[in-house]
Amino acid sequence: ASAVHLGARHPLRPNEGEGVVLRIGSR
């Protein structure tokens, strides 16, 4: 999911990334 979609703020510089939240799993 996007960090902005989860409630984070947009970066001050438009050329910077918004941020990504992810999980990786295994048994």
mmCIF file of all heavy atoms, coordinates in Angstrom:
data_MODEL
# 
_entry.id   MODEL 
# 
loop_
_atom_site.group_PDB 
_atom_site.id 
_atom_site.type_symbol 
_atom_site.label_atom_id 
_atom_site.label_alt_id 
_atom_site.label_comp_id 
_atom_site.label_asym_id 
_atom_site.label_entity_id 
_atom_site.label_seq_id 
_atom_site.pdbx_PDB_ins_code 
_atom_site.Cartn_x 
_atom_site.Cartn_y 
_atom_site.Cartn_z 
_atom_site.occupancy 
_atom_site.B_iso_or_equiv 
_atom_site.pdbx_formal_charge 
_atom_site.auth_seq_id 
_atom_site.auth_comp_id 
_atom_site.auth_asym_id 
_atom_site.auth_atom_id 
_atom_site.pdbx_PDB_model_num 
ATOM 1   N N   . ALA A 1 1  ? 0.853  -1.195  0.000  1.00 0.00 ? 1  ALA A N   1 
ATOM 2   C CA  . ALA A 1 1  ? 0.000  0.000   0.000  1.00 0.00 ? 1  ALA A CA  1 
ATOM 3   C C   . ALA A 1 1  ? 0.878  1.229   0.000  1.00 0.00 ? 1  ALA A C   1 
ATOM 4   O O   . ALA A 1 1  ? 2.055  1.201   0.399  1.00 0.00 ? 1  ALA A O   1 
ATOM 5   C CB  . ALA A 1 1  ? -0.933 0.014   1.211  1.00 0.00 ? 1  ALA A CB  1 
ATOM 6   N N   . SER A 1 2  ? 0.319  2.327   -0.458 1.00 0.00 ? 2  SER A N   1 
ATOM 7   C CA  . SER A 1 2  ? 1.015  3.601   -0.437 1.00 0.00 ? 2  SER A CA  1 
ATOM 8   C C   . SER A 1 2  ? 0.961  4.200   0.972  1.00 0.00 ? 2  SER A C   1 
ATOM 9   O O   . SER A 1 2  ? -0.039 4.076   1.691  1.00 0.00 ? 2  SER A O   1 
ATOM 10  C CB  . SER A 1 2  ? 0.377  4.585   -1.428 1.00 0.00 ? 2  SER A CB  1 
ATOM 11  O OG  . SER A 1 2  ? 0.922  5.876   -1.292 1.00 0.00 ? 2  SER A OG  1 
ATOM 12  N N   . ALA A 1 3  ? 2.063  4.836   1.379  1.00 0.00 ? 3  ALA A N   1 
ATOM 13  C CA  . ALA A 1 3  ? 2.094  5.455   2.705  1.00 0.00 ? 3  ALA A CA  1 
ATOM 14  C C   . ALA A 1 3  ? 1.089  6.601   2.804  1.00 0.00 ? 3  ALA A C   1 
ATOM 15  O O   . ALA A 1 3  ? 0.492  6.832   3.867  1.00 0.00 ? 3  ALA A O   1 
ATOM 16  C CB  . ALA A 1 3  ? 3.503  5.968   3.011  1.00 0.00 ? 3  ALA A CB  1 
ATOM 17  N N   . VAL A 1 4  ? 0.873  7.315   1.701  1.00 0.00 ? 4  VAL A N   1 
ATOM 18  C CA  . VAL A 1 4  ? -0.124 8.387   1.706  1.00 0.00 ? 4  VAL A CA  1 
ATOM 19  C C   . VAL A 1 4  ? -1.522 7.811   1.851  1.00 0.00 ? 4  VAL A C   1 
ATOM 20  O O   . VAL A 1 4  ? -2.392 8.386   2.530  1.00 0.00 ? 4  VAL A O   1 
ATOM 21  C CB  . VAL A 1 4  ? 0.009  9.229   0.425  1.00 0.00 ? 4  VAL A CB  1 
ATOM 22  C CG1 . VAL A 1 4  ? -1.082 10.280  0.340  1.00 0.00 ? 4  VAL A CG1 1 
ATOM 23  C CG2 . VAL A 1 4  ? 1.378  9.889   0.375  1.00 0.00 ? 4  VAL A CG2 1 
ATOM 24  N N   . HIS A 1 5  ? -1.755 6.662   1.234  1.00 0.00 ? 5  HIS A N   1 
ATOM 25  C CA  . HIS A 1 5  ? -3.059 6.019   1.352  1.00 0.00 ? 5  HIS A CA  1 
ATOM 26  C C   . HIS A 1 5  ? -3.340 5.578   2.784  1.00 0.00 ? 5  HIS A C   1 
ATOM 27  O O   . HIS A 1 5  ? -4.495 5.559   3.223  1.00 0.00 ? 5  HIS A O   1 
ATOM 28  C CB  . HIS A 1 5  ? -3.117 4.814   0.410  1.00 0.00 ? 5  HIS A CB  1 
ATOM 29  C CG  . HIS A 1 5  ? -4.401 4.051   0.477  1.00 0.00 ? 5  HIS A CG  1 
ATOM 30  N ND1 . HIS A 1 5  ? -5.584 4.542   -0.021 1.00 0.00 ? 5  HIS A ND1 1 
ATOM 31  C CD2 . HIS A 1 5  ? -4.697 2.833   1.011  1.00 0.00 ? 5  HIS A CD2 1 
ATOM 32  C CE1 . HIS A 1 5  ? -6.549 3.668   0.189  1.00 0.00 ? 5  HIS A CE1 1 
ATOM 33  N NE2 . HIS A 1 5  ? -6.034 2.622   0.813  1.00 0.00 ? 5  HIS A NE2 1 
ATOM 34  N N   . LEU A 1 6  ? -2.304 5.278   3.545  1.00 0.00 ? 6  LEU A N   1 
ATOM 35  C CA  . LEU A 1 6  ? -2.476 4.871   4.942  1.00 0.00 ? 6  LEU A CA  1 
ATOM 36  C C   . LEU A 1 6  ? -2.478 6.043   5.908  1.00 0.00 ? 6  LEU A C   1 
ATOM 37  O O   . LEU A 1 6  ? -2.612 5.828   7.109  1.00 0.00 ? 6  LEU A O   1 
ATOM 38  C CB  . LEU A 1 6  ? -1.360 3.897   5.334  1.00 0.00 ? 6  LEU A CB  1 
ATOM 39  C CG  . LEU A 1 6  ? -1.333 2.571   4.571  1.00 0.00 ? 6  LEU A CG  1 
ATOM 40  C CD1 . LEU A 1 6  ? -0.164 1.725   5.026  1.00 0.00 ? 6  LEU A CD1 1 
ATOM 41  C CD2 . LEU A 1 6  ? -2.642 1.830   4.747  1.00 0.00 ? 6  LEU A CD2 1 
ATOM 42  N N   . GLY A 1 7  ? -2.334 7.267   5.406  1.00 0.00 ? 7  GLY A N   1 
ATOM 43  C CA  . GLY A 1 7  ? -2.440 8.433   6.271  1.00 0.00 ? 7  GLY A CA  1 
ATOM 44  C C   . GLY A 1 7  ? -1.201 9.284   6.373  1.00 0.00 ? 7  GLY A C   1 
ATOM 45  O O   . GLY A 1 7  ? -1.209 10.282  7.086  1.00 0.00 ? 7  GLY A O   1 
ATOM 46  N N   . ALA A 1 8  ? -0.112 8.932   5.695  1.00 0.00 ? 8  ALA A N   1 
ATOM 47  C CA  . ALA A 1 8  ? 1.097  9.746   5.760  1.00 0.00 ? 8  ALA A CA  1 
ATOM 48  C C   . ALA A 1 8  ? 0.943  11.009  4.914  1.00 0.00 ? 8  ALA A C   1 
ATOM 49  O O   . ALA A 1 8  ? 0.044  11.124  4.071  1.00 0.00 ? 8  ALA A O   1 
ATOM 50  C CB  . ALA A 1 8  ? 2.307  8.934   5.282  1.00 0.00 ? 8  ALA A CB  1 
ATOM 51  N N   . ARG A 1 9  ? 1.820  11.960  5.154  1.00 0.00 ? 9  ARG A N   1 
ATOM 52  C CA  . ARG A 1 9  ? 1.778  13.216  4.418  1.00 0.00 ? 9  ARG A CA  1 
ATOM 53  C C   . ARG A 1 9  ? 2.537  13.108  3.101  1.00 0.00 ? 9  ARG A C   1 
ATOM 54  O O   . ARG A 1 9  ? 3.469  12.310  2.964  1.00 0.00 ? 9  ARG A O   1 
ATOM 55  C CB  . ARG A 1 9  ? 2.405  14.332  5.266  1.00 0.00 ? 9  ARG A CB  1 
ATOM 56  C CG  . ARG A 1 9  ? 1.670  14.615  6.555  1.00 0.00 ? 9  ARG A CG  1 
ATOM 57  C CD  . ARG A 1 9  ? 2.333  15.726  7.330  1.00 0.00 ? 9  ARG A CD  1 
ATOM 58  N NE  . ARG A 1 9  ? 2.358  16.954  6.568  1.00 0.00 ? 9  ARG A NE  1 
ATOM 59  C CZ  . ARG A 1 9  ? 2.906  18.089  6.990  1.00 0.00 ? 9  ARG A CZ  1 
ATOM 60  N NH1 . ARG A 1 9  ? 3.508  18.124  8.171  1.00 0.00 ? 9  ARG A NH1 1 
ATOM 61  N NH2 . ARG A 1 9  ? 2.884  19.174  6.242  1.00 0.00 ? 9  ARG A NH2 1 
ATOM 62  N N   . HIS A 1 10 ? 2.128  13.927  2.148  1.00 0.00 ? 10 HIS A N   1 
ATOM 63  C CA  . HIS A 1 10 ? 2.856  13.992  0.883  1.00 0.00 ? 10 HIS A CA  1 
ATOM 64  C C   . HIS A 1 10 ? 4.227  14.620  1.112  1.00 0.00 ? 10 HIS A C   1 
ATOM 65  O O   . HIS A 1 10 ? 4.389  15.479  1.988  1.00 0.00 ? 10 HIS A O   1 
ATOM 66  C CB  . HIS A 1 10 ? 2.071  14.816  -0.133 1.00 0.00 ? 10 HIS A CB  1 
ATOM 67  C CG  . HIS A 1 10 ? 0.869  14.120  -0.680 1.00 0.00 ? 10 HIS A CG  1 
ATOM 68  N ND1 . HIS A 1 10 ? 0.925  13.266  -1.756 1.00 0.00 ? 10 HIS A ND1 1 
ATOM 69  C CD2 . HIS A 1 10 ? -0.431 14.139  -0.285 1.00 0.00 ? 10 HIS A CD2 1 
ATOM 70  C CE1 . HIS A 1 10 ? -0.282 12.806  -2.021 1.00 0.00 ? 10 HIS A CE1 1 
ATOM 71  N NE2 . HIS A 1 10 ? -1.130 13.316  -1.130 1.00 0.00 ? 10 HIS A NE2 1 
ATOM 72  N N   . PRO A 1 11 ? 5.219  14.231  0.358  1.00 0.00 ? 11 PRO A N   1 
ATOM 73  C CA  . PRO A 1 11 ? 6.553  14.829  0.533  1.00 0.00 ? 11 PRO A CA  1 
ATOM 74  C C   . PRO A 1 11 ? 6.542  16.297  0.136  1.00 0.00 ? 11 PRO A C   1 
ATOM 75  O O   . PRO A 1 11 ? 5.738  16.738  -0.705 1.00 0.00 ? 11 PRO A O   1 
ATOM 76  C CB  . PRO A 1 11 ? 7.443  13.984  -0.394 1.00 0.00 ? 11 PRO A CB  1 
ATOM 77  C CG  . PRO A 1 11 ? 6.507  13.412  -1.405 1.00 0.00 ? 11 PRO A CG  1 
ATOM 78  C CD  . PRO A 1 11 ? 5.197  13.193  -0.691 1.00 0.00 ? 11 PRO A CD  1 
ATOM 79  N N   . LEU A 1 12 ? 7.455  17.061  0.736  1.00 0.00 ? 12 LEU A N   1 
ATOM 80  C CA  . LEU A 1 12 ? 7.537  18.479  0.428  1.00 0.00 ? 12 LEU A CA  1 
ATOM 81  C C   . LEU A 1 12 ? 8.031  18.712  -0.995 1.00 0.00 ? 12 LEU A C   1 
ATOM 82  O O   . LEU A 1 12 ? 7.599  19.658  -1.656 1.00 0.00 ? 12 LEU A O   1 
ATOM 83  C CB  . LEU A 1 12 ? 8.466  19.175  1.423  1.00 0.00 ? 12 LEU A CB  1 
ATOM 84  C CG  . LEU A 1 12 ? 8.007  19.142  2.891  1.00 0.00 ? 12 LEU A CG  1 
ATOM 85  C CD1 . LEU A 1 12 ? 9.033  19.817  3.775  1.00 0.00 ? 12 LEU A CD1 1 
ATOM 86  C CD2 . LEU A 1 12 ? 6.656  19.819  3.045  1.00 0.00 ? 12 LEU A CD2 1 
ATOM 87  N N   . ARG A 1 13 ? 8.895  17.854  -1.472 1.00 0.00 ? 13 ARG A N   1 
ATOM 88  C CA  . ARG A 1 13 ? 9.396  17.969  -2.836 1.00 0.00 ? 13 ARG A CA  1 
ATOM 89  C C   . ARG A 1 13 ? 8.641  17.012  -3.737 1.00 0.00 ? 13 ARG A C   1 
ATOM 90  O O   . ARG A 1 13 ? 8.554  15.819  -3.454 1.00 0.00 ? 13 ARG A O   1 
ATOM 91  C CB  . ARG A 1 13 ? 10.893 17.655  -2.878 1.00 0.00 ? 13 ARG A CB  1 
ATOM 92  C CG  . ARG A 1 13 ? 11.734 18.604  -2.036 1.00 0.00 ? 13 ARG A CG  1 
ATOM 93  C CD  . ARG A 1 13 ? 13.199 18.202  -2.066 1.00 0.00 ? 13 ARG A CD  1 
ATOM 94  N NE  . ARG A 1 13 ? 14.014 19.091  -1.238 1.00 0.00 ? 13 ARG A NE  1 
ATOM 95  C CZ  . ARG A 1 13 ? 15.318 18.950  -1.054 1.00 0.00 ? 13 ARG A CZ  1 
ATOM 96  N NH1 . ARG A 1 13 ? 15.958 17.930  -1.646 1.00 0.00 ? 13 ARG A NH1 1 
ATOM 97  N NH2 . ARG A 1 13 ? 15.968 19.797  -0.282 1.00 0.00 ? 13 ARG A NH2 1 
ATOM 98  N N   . PRO A 1 14 ? 8.074  17.500  -4.837 1.00 0.00 ? 14 PRO A N   1 
ATOM 99  C CA  . PRO A 1 14 ? 7.276  16.609  -5.699 1.00 0.00 ? 14 PRO A CA  1 
ATOM 100 C C   . PRO A 1 14 ? 8.082  15.489  -6.334 1.00 0.00 ? 14 PRO A C   1 
ATOM 101 O O   . PRO A 1 14 ? 7.528  14.447  -6.680 1.00 0.00 ? 14 PRO A O   1 
ATOM 102 C CB  . PRO A 1 14 ? 6.718  17.567  -6.771 1.00 0.00 ? 14 PRO A CB  1 
ATOM 103 C CG  . PRO A 1 14 ? 6.810  18.921  -6.169 1.00 0.00 ? 14 PRO A CG  1 
ATOM 104 C CD  . PRO A 1 14 ? 8.004  18.898  -5.284 1.00 0.00 ? 14 PRO A CD  1 
ATOM 105 N N   . ASN A 1 15 ? 9.391  15.685  -6.501 1.00 0.00 ? 15 ASN A N   1 
ATOM 106 C CA  . ASN A 1 15 ? 10.190 14.643  -7.149 1.00 0.00 ? 15 ASN A CA  1 
ATOM 107 C C   . ASN A 1 15 ? 10.560 13.511  -6.200 1.00 0.00 ? 15 ASN A C   1 
ATOM 108 O O   . ASN A 1 15 ? 11.154 12.513  -6.621 1.00 0.00 ? 15 ASN A O   1 
ATOM 109 C CB  . ASN A 1 15 ? 11.462 15.253  -7.746 1.00 0.00 ? 15 ASN A CB  1 
ATOM 110 C CG  . ASN A 1 15 ? 12.281 15.998  -6.700 1.00 0.00 ? 15 ASN A CG  1 
ATOM 111 O OD1 . ASN A 1 15 ? 11.818 16.227  -5.590 1.00 0.00 ? 15 ASN A OD1 1 
ATOM 112 N ND2 . ASN A 1 15 ? 13.487 16.390  -7.066 1.00 0.00 ? 15 ASN A ND2 1 
ATOM 113 N N   . GLU A 1 16 ? 10.253 13.628  -4.916 1.00 0.00 ? 16 GLU A N   1 
ATOM 114 C CA  . GLU A 1 16 ? 10.535 12.562  -3.972 1.00 0.00 ? 16 GLU A CA  1 
ATOM 115 C C   . GLU A 1 16 ? 9.375  11.560  -3.941 1.00 0.00 ? 16 GLU A C   1 
ATOM 116 O O   . GLU A 1 16 ? 8.233  11.888  -4.251 1.00 0.00 ? 16 GLU A O   1 
ATOM 117 C CB  . GLU A 1 16 ? 10.745 13.135  -2.571 1.00 0.00 ? 16 GLU A CB  1 
ATOM 118 C CG  . GLU A 1 16 ? 11.994 14.005  -2.449 1.00 0.00 ? 16 GLU A CG  1 
ATOM 119 C CD  . GLU A 1 16 ? 12.185 14.514  -1.037 1.00 0.00 ? 16 GLU A CD  1 
ATOM 120 O OE1 . GLU A 1 16 ? 11.257 14.304  -0.208 1.00 0.00 ? 16 GLU A OE1 1 
ATOM 121 O OE2 . GLU A 1 16 ? 13.233 15.119  -0.758 1.00 0.00 ? 16 GLU A OE2 1 
ATOM 122 N N   . GLY A 1 17 ? 9.689  10.341  -3.536 1.00 0.00 ? 17 GLY A N   1 
ATOM 123 C CA  . GLY A 1 17 ? 8.673  9.300   -3.477 1.00 0.00 ? 17 GLY A CA  1 
ATOM 124 C C   . GLY A 1 17 ? 7.709  9.503   -2.315 1.00 0.00 ? 17 GLY A C   1 
ATOM 125 O O   . GLY A 1 17 ? 8.053  10.080  -1.272 1.00 0.00 ? 17 GLY A O   1 
ATOM 126 N N   . GLU A 1 18 ? 6.496  9.026   -2.509 1.00 0.00 ? 18 GLU A N   1 
ATOM 127 C CA  . GLU A 1 18 ? 5.479  9.139   -1.456 1.00 0.00 ? 18 GLU A CA  1 
ATOM 128 C C   . GLU A 1 18 ? 5.710  8.147   -0.319 1.00 0.00 ? 18 GLU A C   1 
ATOM 129 O O   . GLU A 1 18 ? 5.275  8.388   0.803  1.00 0.00 ? 18 GLU A O   1 
ATOM 130 C CB  . GLU A 1 18 ? 4.092  8.907   -2.055 1.00 0.00 ? 18 GLU A CB  1 
ATOM 131 C CG  . GLU A 1 18 ? 3.671  9.948   -3.070 1.00 0.00 ? 18 GLU A CG  1 
ATOM 132 C CD  . GLU A 1 18 ? 2.293  9.660   -3.627 1.00 0.00 ? 18 GLU A CD  1 
ATOM 133 O OE1 . GLU A 1 18 ? 1.752  8.568   -3.297 1.00 0.00 ? 18 GLU A OE1 1 
ATOM 134 O OE2 . GLU A 1 18 ? 1.766  10.498  -4.374 1.00 0.00 ? 18 GLU A OE2 1 
ATOM 135 N N   . GLY A 1 19 ? 6.378  7.066   -0.604 1.00 0.00 ? 19 GLY A N   1 
ATOM 136 C CA  . GLY A 1 19 ? 6.589  6.033   0.404  1.00 0.00 ? 19 GLY A CA  1 
ATOM 137 C C   . GLY A 1 19 ? 5.707  4.828   0.175  1.00 0.00 ? 19 GLY A C   1 
ATOM 138 O O   . GLY A 1 19 ? 4.558  4.948   -0.263 1.00 0.00 ? 19 GLY A O   1 
ATOM 139 N N   . VAL A 1 20 ? 6.246  3.670   0.471  1.00 0.00 ? 20 VAL A N   1 
ATOM 140 C CA  . VAL A 1 20 ? 5.535  2.399   0.279  1.00 0.00 ? 20 VAL A CA  1 
ATOM 141 C C   . VAL A 1 20 ? 5.619  1.603   1.578  1.00 0.00 ? 20 VAL A C   1 
ATOM 142 O O   . VAL A 1 20 ? 6.687  1.509   2.194  1.00 0.00 ? 20 VAL A O   1 
ATOM 143 C CB  . VAL A 1 20 ? 6.149  1.583   -0.879 1.00 0.00 ? 20 VAL A CB  1 
ATOM 144 C CG1 . VAL A 1 20 ? 5.390  0.279   -1.075 1.00 0.00 ? 20 VAL A CG1 1 
ATOM 145 C CG2 . VAL A 1 20 ? 6.144  2.394   -2.149 1.00 0.00 ? 20 VAL A CG2 1 
ATOM 146 N N   . VAL A 1 21 ? 4.498  1.043   1.986  1.00 0.00 ? 21 VAL A N   1 
ATOM 147 C CA  . VAL A 1 21 ? 4.435  0.137   3.140  1.00 0.00 ? 21 VAL A CA  1 
ATOM 148 C C   . VAL A 1 21 ? 4.140  -1.257  2.607  1.00 0.00 ? 21 VAL A C   1 
ATOM 149 O O   . VAL A 1 21 ? 3.151  -1.450  1.880  1.00 0.00 ? 21 VAL A O   1 
ATOM 150 C CB  . VAL A 1 21 ? 3.361  0.577   4.141  1.00 0.00 ? 21 VAL A CB  1 
ATOM 151 C CG1 . VAL A 1 21 ? 3.288  -0.402  5.300  1.00 0.00 ? 21 VAL A CG1 1 
ATOM 152 C CG2 . VAL A 1 21 ? 3.647  1.981   4.651  1.00 0.00 ? 21 VAL A CG2 1 
ATOM 153 N N   . LEU A 1 22 ? 4.973  -2.204  2.931  1.00 0.00 ? 22 LEU A N   1 
ATOM 154 C CA  . LEU A 1 22 ? 4.765  -3.575  2.459  1.00 0.00 ? 22 LEU A CA  1 
ATOM 155 C C   . LEU A 1 22 ? 5.190  -4.557  3.536  1.00 0.00 ? 22 LEU A C   1 
ATOM 156 O O   . LEU A 1 22 ? 5.919  -4.199  4.478  1.00 0.00 ? 22 LEU A O   1 
ATOM 157 C CB  . LEU A 1 22 ? 5.547  -3.836  1.171  1.00 0.00 ? 22 LEU A CB  1 
ATOM 158 C CG  . LEU A 1 22 ? 7.079  -3.975  1.261  1.00 0.00 ? 22 LEU A CG  1 
ATOM 159 C CD1 . LEU A 1 22 ? 7.572  -4.764  0.064  1.00 0.00 ? 22 LEU A CD1 1 
ATOM 160 C CD2 . LEU A 1 22 ? 7.747  -2.629  1.299  1.00 0.00 ? 22 LEU A CD2 1 
ATOM 161 N N   . ARG A 1 23 ? 4.694  -5.762  3.356  1.00 0.00 ? 23 ARG A N   1 
ATOM 162 C CA  . ARG A 1 23 ? 5.061  -6.872  4.237  1.00 0.00 ? 23 ARG A CA  1 
ATOM 163 C C   . ARG A 1 23 ? 5.486  -8.058  3.383  1.00 0.00 ? 23 ARG A C   1 
ATOM 164 O O   . ARG A 1 23 ? 4.882  -8.331  2.332  1.00 0.00 ? 23 ARG A O   1 
ATOM 165 C CB  . ARG A 1 23 ? 3.888  -7.283  5.117  1.00 0.00 ? 23 ARG A CB  1 
ATOM 166 C CG  . ARG A 1 23 ? 3.570  -6.291  6.217  1.00 0.00 ? 23 ARG A CG  1 
ATOM 167 C CD  . ARG A 1 23 ? 2.462  -6.820  7.089  1.00 0.00 ? 23 ARG A CD  1 
ATOM 168 N NE  . ARG A 1 23 ? 2.142  -5.900  8.172  1.00 0.00 ? 23 ARG A NE  1 
ATOM 169 C CZ  . ARG A 1 23 ? 1.226  -6.149  9.098  1.00 0.00 ? 23 ARG A CZ  1 
ATOM 170 N NH1 . ARG A 1 23 ? 0.553  -7.282  9.061  1.00 0.00 ? 23 ARG A NH1 1 
ATOM 171 N NH2 . ARG A 1 23 ? 1.002  -5.270  10.047 1.00 0.00 ? 23 ARG A NH2 1 
ATOM 172 N N   . ILE A 1 24 ? 6.506  -8.722  3.868  1.00 0.00 ? 24 ILE A N   1 
ATOM 173 C CA  . ILE A 1 24 ? 6.951  -9.954  3.235  1.00 0.00 ? 24 ILE A CA  1 
ATOM 174 C C   . ILE A 1 24 ? 6.840  -11.069 4.275  1.00 0.00 ? 24 ILE A C   1 
ATOM 175 O O   . ILE A 1 24 ? 7.184  -10.875 5.453  1.00 0.00 ? 24 ILE A O   1 
ATOM 176 C CB  . ILE A 1 24 ? 8.394  -9.818  2.707  1.00 0.00 ? 24 ILE A CB  1 
ATOM 177 C CG1 . ILE A 1 24 ? 9.336  -9.353  3.809  1.00 0.00 ? 24 ILE A CG1 1 
ATOM 178 C CG2 . ILE A 1 24 ? 8.443  -8.852  1.530  1.00 0.00 ? 24 ILE A CG2 1 
ATOM 179 C CD1 . ILE A 1 24 ? 10.782 -9.260  3.361  1.00 0.00 ? 24 ILE A CD1 1 
ATOM 180 N N   . GLY A 1 25 ? 6.331  -12.213 3.847  1.00 0.00 ? 25 GLY A N   1 
ATOM 181 C CA  . GLY A 1 25 ? 6.070  -13.296 4.781  1.00 0.00 ? 25 GLY A CA  1 
ATOM 182 C C   . GLY A 1 25 ? 6.606  -14.633 4.320  1.00 0.00 ? 25 GLY A C   1 
ATOM 183 O O   . GLY A 1 25 ? 6.887  -14.844 3.131  1.00 0.00 ? 25 GLY A O   1 
ATOM 184 N N   . SER A 1 26 ? 6.707  -15.514 5.290  1.00 0.00 ? 26 SER A N   1 
ATOM 185 C CA  . SER A 1 26 ? 7.194  -16.872 5.019  1.00 0.00 ? 26 SER A CA  1 
ATOM 186 C C   . SER A 1 26 ? 6.753  -17.768 6.167  1.00 0.00 ? 26 SER A C   1 
ATOM 187 O O   . SER A 1 26 ? 6.363  -17.298 7.245  1.00 0.00 ? 26 SER A O   1 
ATOM 188 C CB  . SER A 1 26 ? 8.718  -16.881 4.877  1.00 0.00 ? 26 SER A CB  1 
ATOM 189 O OG  . SER A 1 26 ? 9.195  -18.199 4.756  1.00 0.00 ? 26 SER A OG  1 
ATOM 190 N N   . ARG A 1 27 ? 6.831  -19.068 5.924  1.00 0.00 ? 27 ARG A N   1 
ATOM 191 C CA  . ARG A 1 27 ? 6.509  -20.028 6.968  1.00 0.00 ? 27 ARG A CA  1 
ATOM 192 C C   . ARG A 1 27 ? 7.681  -20.264 7.920  1.00 0.00 ? 27 ARG A C   1 
ATOM 193 O O   . ARG A 1 27 ? 7.516  -20.835 8.994  1.00 0.00 ? 27 ARG A O   1 
ATOM 194 C CB  . ARG A 1 27 ? 6.097  -21.362 6.336  1.00 0.00 ? 27 ARG A CB  1 
ATOM 195 C CG  . ARG A 1 27 ? 4.814  -21.279 5.525  1.00 0.00 ? 27 ARG A CG  1 
ATOM 196 C CD  . ARG A 1 27 ? 4.478  -22.629 4.905  1.00 0.00 ? 27 ARG A CD  1 
ATOM 197 N NE  . ARG A 1 27 ? 4.316  -23.658 5.929  1.00 0.00 ? 27 ARG A NE  1 
ATOM 198 C CZ  . ARG A 1 27 ? 3.167  -23.931 6.561  1.00 0.00 ? 27 ARG A CZ  1 
ATOM 199 N NH1 . ARG A 1 27 ? 2.069  -23.228 6.247  1.00 0.00 ? 27 ARG A NH1 1 
ATOM 200 N NH2 . ARG A 1 27 ? 3.097  -24.887 7.458  1.00 0.00 ? 27 ARG A NH2 1 
# 
